[in-house]
Structures are given as structure tokens and as C-alpha cells.
Amino acid sequence: MVGRSLMLVTALSPVIGYDKASEIAHKANDADLSLKEAALQSGYIDEARFNEIVDPRKMVGDGVAGS
């Protein structure tokens, strides 16, 4: 479920800008794509960079029980 969460797009905003990140989230929602699929299709970011930036474990840090 995490892979389809559009909230993760917030991690992209500082890197590609709010407007591009918003465009990606809208495309993912409208086309029933994962955030990653929409981001890669956009051409604004490559897969390696996406994986580096959009890492839910890094985003929550010590907030996840057992991490």
C-alpha cells in the first residue's frame, strides 16, 4: 500500500519543485499509477534518484516501531 501512497510525493518537492511533484501526483491518481510509475513517466526524475529520495523508512525515521 505504501507504494501507491500519493503522500510520498512531498519528498520530491524540494528536488523537482512543487509544481512538478503535484503534476506527478495528479497523473498517478488520474491514471491509476503508482507514484513511482507516474514519476518515471514524467521524465522529471530517474529511477535511481526516485528510490533515493522516496524512501518511506527514511521519511519516518525512528517513528516506526521496530525500525
Protein backbone atom coordinates (compact mmCIF):
# COMPACT_ATOMS: atom_id res chain seq x y z
CA MET A 1 0.00 0.00 0.00
CA VAL A 2 2.86 2.39 0.71
CA GLY A 3 3.98 2.26 -2.91
CA ARG A 4 0.64 3.68 -4.02
CA SER A 5 0.50 6.40 -1.38
CA LEU A 6 0.42 9.79 -3.06
CA MET A 7 1.51 11.49 0.16
CA LEU A 8 5.06 10.38 -0.55
CA VAL A 9 5.21 12.94 -3.34
CA THR A 10 6.12 15.53 -0.70
CA ALA A 11 9.64 14.09 -0.69
CA LEU A 12 10.04 15.07 -4.35
CA SER A 13 9.02 18.71 -3.94
CA PRO A 14 12.38 20.02 -2.65
CA VAL A 15 14.17 18.23 -5.50
CA ILE A 16 11.97 18.83 -8.56
CA GLY A 17 9.72 21.61 -7.30
CA TYR A 18 6.17 21.74 -6.06
CA ASP A 19 4.50 22.12 -9.47
CA LYS A 20 6.22 19.09 -10.98
CA ALA A 21 5.61 17.00 -7.87
CA SER A 22 1.95 18.00 -7.92
CA GLU A 23 1.72 17.10 -11.60
CA ILE A 24 3.13 13.65 -10.82
CA ALA A 25 0.64 13.06 -8.01
CA HIS A 26 -2.28 14.11 -10.22
CA LYS A 27 -1.11 11.85 -13.04
CA ALA A 28 -0.72 8.89 -10.65
CA ASN A 29 -4.22 9.44 -9.32
CA ASP A 30 -5.89 10.08 -12.67
CA ALA A 31 -4.20 7.19 -14.50
CA ASP A 32 -4.29 4.74 -11.56
CA LEU A 33 -0.49 4.51 -11.49
CA SER A 34 1.88 4.17 -8.59
CA LEU A 35 3.72 7.31 -7.65
CA LYS A 36 6.92 5.80 -8.98
CA GLU A 37 5.36 4.88 -12.33
CA ALA A 38 4.00 8.40 -12.76
CA ALA A 39 7.29 9.99 -11.72
CA LEU A 40 9.32 7.93 -14.15
CA GLN A 41 6.86 8.60 -16.97
CA SER A 42 7.12 12.32 -16.31
CA GLY A 43 10.82 12.36 -17.14
CA TYR A 44 11.49 14.75 -14.24
CA ILE A 45 13.43 12.16 -12.27
CA ASP A 46 15.15 8.85 -12.94
CA GLU A 47 14.59 5.61 -11.06
CA ALA A 48 17.80 5.68 -9.02
CA ARG A 49 17.14 9.21 -7.77
CA PHE A 50 13.48 8.44 -7.08
CA ASN A 51 14.46 5.41 -4.98
CA GLU A 52 16.98 7.51 -3.08
CA ILE A 53 14.53 10.30 -2.31
CA VAL A 54 11.23 8.48 -1.86
CA ASP A 55 12.18 6.06 0.89
CA PRO A 56 9.38 5.78 3.47
CA ARG A 57 11.76 4.38 6.09
CA LYS A 58 13.93 7.49 5.86
CA MET A 59 10.90 9.73 5.91
CA VAL A 60 9.61 8.44 9.26
CA GLY A 61 12.94 7.76 10.93
CA ASP A 62 12.59 6.44 14.45
CA GLY A 63 8.82 6.76 14.32
CA VAL A 64 8.28 3.23 13.02
CA ALA A 65 8.05 0.61 15.74
CA GLY A 66 10.87 -1.86 15.49
CA SER A 67 12.91 0.09 12.98
